[in-house]
Every structure is written in structure tokens, then in C-alpha cells.
Amino acid sequence: MLEAIEYCNGSVVQAAKLLGIGKTTLYRKLQQWKPIKSSL
């Protein structure tokens, strides 16, 4: 997910299209991933 966002120059909307998911789904997945990332 993060690589897709980087590839799209930070555009979550474009990254979601690239991944074949909706932008809301991508935002939700990022929010779910955020607490896991901070605990690493």
C-alpha cells in the first residue's frame, strides 16, 4: 500500500485506483495499519 502511494507521488486516490480498491477502503486500511506500525 505504501509503495503504491509513493509511486503515485502521495496521491491516495491514484494509489487506490492502482490497487483496484476504493479510496475509502485504502484510508481504512491505512488507519488499521497505523497502530501496528507505531508499535514496531
C-alpha atoms as a PDB file:
ATOM      1  CA  MET A   1       0.000   0.000   0.000  1.00  0.00           C
ATOM      2  CA  LEU A   2       2.673   2.474   0.984  1.00  0.00           C
ATOM      3  CA  GLU A   3       4.704   1.721  -2.117  1.00  0.00           C
ATOM      4  CA  ALA A   4       1.636   2.409  -4.255  1.00  0.00           C
ATOM      5  CA  ILE A   5       1.135   5.765  -2.531  1.00  0.00           C
ATOM      6  CA  GLU A   6       4.802   6.645  -3.035  1.00  0.00           C
ATOM      7  CA  TYR A   7       4.574   5.573  -6.693  1.00  0.00           C
ATOM      8  CA  CYS A   8       1.593   7.923  -7.098  1.00  0.00           C
ATOM      9  CA  ASN A   9       3.503  10.827  -5.513  1.00  0.00           C
ATOM     10  CA  GLY A  10       1.425  10.733  -2.345  1.00  0.00           C
ATOM     11  CA  SER A  11      -1.969  10.605  -4.045  1.00  0.00           C
ATOM     12  CA  VAL A  12      -4.154   8.211  -2.095  1.00  0.00           C
ATOM     13  CA  VAL A  13      -6.874   8.435  -4.753  1.00  0.00           C
ATOM     14  CA  GLN A  14      -4.490   7.391  -7.537  1.00  0.00           C
ATOM     15  CA  ALA A  15      -2.929   4.700  -5.348  1.00  0.00           C
ATOM     16  CA  ALA A  16      -6.365   3.245  -4.619  1.00  0.00           C
ATOM     17  CA  LYS A  17      -7.117   3.104  -8.354  1.00  0.00           C
ATOM     18  CA  LEU A  18      -3.760   1.429  -8.967  1.00  0.00           C
ATOM     19  CA  LEU A  19      -4.528  -1.172  -6.292  1.00  0.00           C
ATOM     20  CA  GLY A  20      -8.056  -1.690  -7.604  1.00  0.00           C
ATOM     21  CA  ILE A  21      -9.784  -0.609  -4.388  1.00  0.00           C
ATOM     22  CA  GLY A  22     -11.798   2.411  -3.339  1.00  0.00           C
ATOM     23  CA  LYS A  23     -10.127   5.377  -1.683  1.00  0.00           C
ATOM     24  CA  THR A  24     -12.267   4.880   1.430  1.00  0.00           C
ATOM     25  CA  THR A  25     -11.075   1.290   1.688  1.00  0.00           C
ATOM     26  CA  LEU A  26      -7.465   2.397   1.343  1.00  0.00           C
ATOM     27  CA  TYR A  27      -7.889   5.081   4.016  1.00  0.00           C
ATOM     28  CA  ARG A  28      -9.489   2.487   6.317  1.00  0.00           C
ATOM     29  CA  LYS A  29      -6.645   0.023   5.745  1.00  0.00           C
ATOM     30  CA  LEU A  30      -4.092   2.741   6.449  1.00  0.00           C
ATOM     31  CA  GLN A  31      -5.851   3.625   9.710  1.00  0.00           C
ATOM     32  CA  GLN A  32      -5.891  -0.046  10.726  1.00  0.00           C
ATOM     33  CA  TRP A  33      -2.207  -0.377   9.882  1.00  0.00           C
ATOM     34  CA  LYS A  34      -1.147   2.810  11.683  1.00  0.00           C
ATOM     35  CA  PRO A  35      -1.380   1.410  15.262  1.00  0.00           C
ATOM     36  CA  ILE A  36       0.572  -1.689  14.217  1.00  0.00           C
ATOM     37  CA  LYS A  37       3.309   0.424  12.637  1.00  0.00           C
ATOM     38  CA  SER A  38       3.756   2.570  15.749  1.00  0.00           C
ATOM     39  CA  SER A  39       4.246  -0.498  17.944  1.00  0.00           C
ATOM     40  CA  LEU A  40       7.147  -1.806  15.808  1.00  0.00           C
END
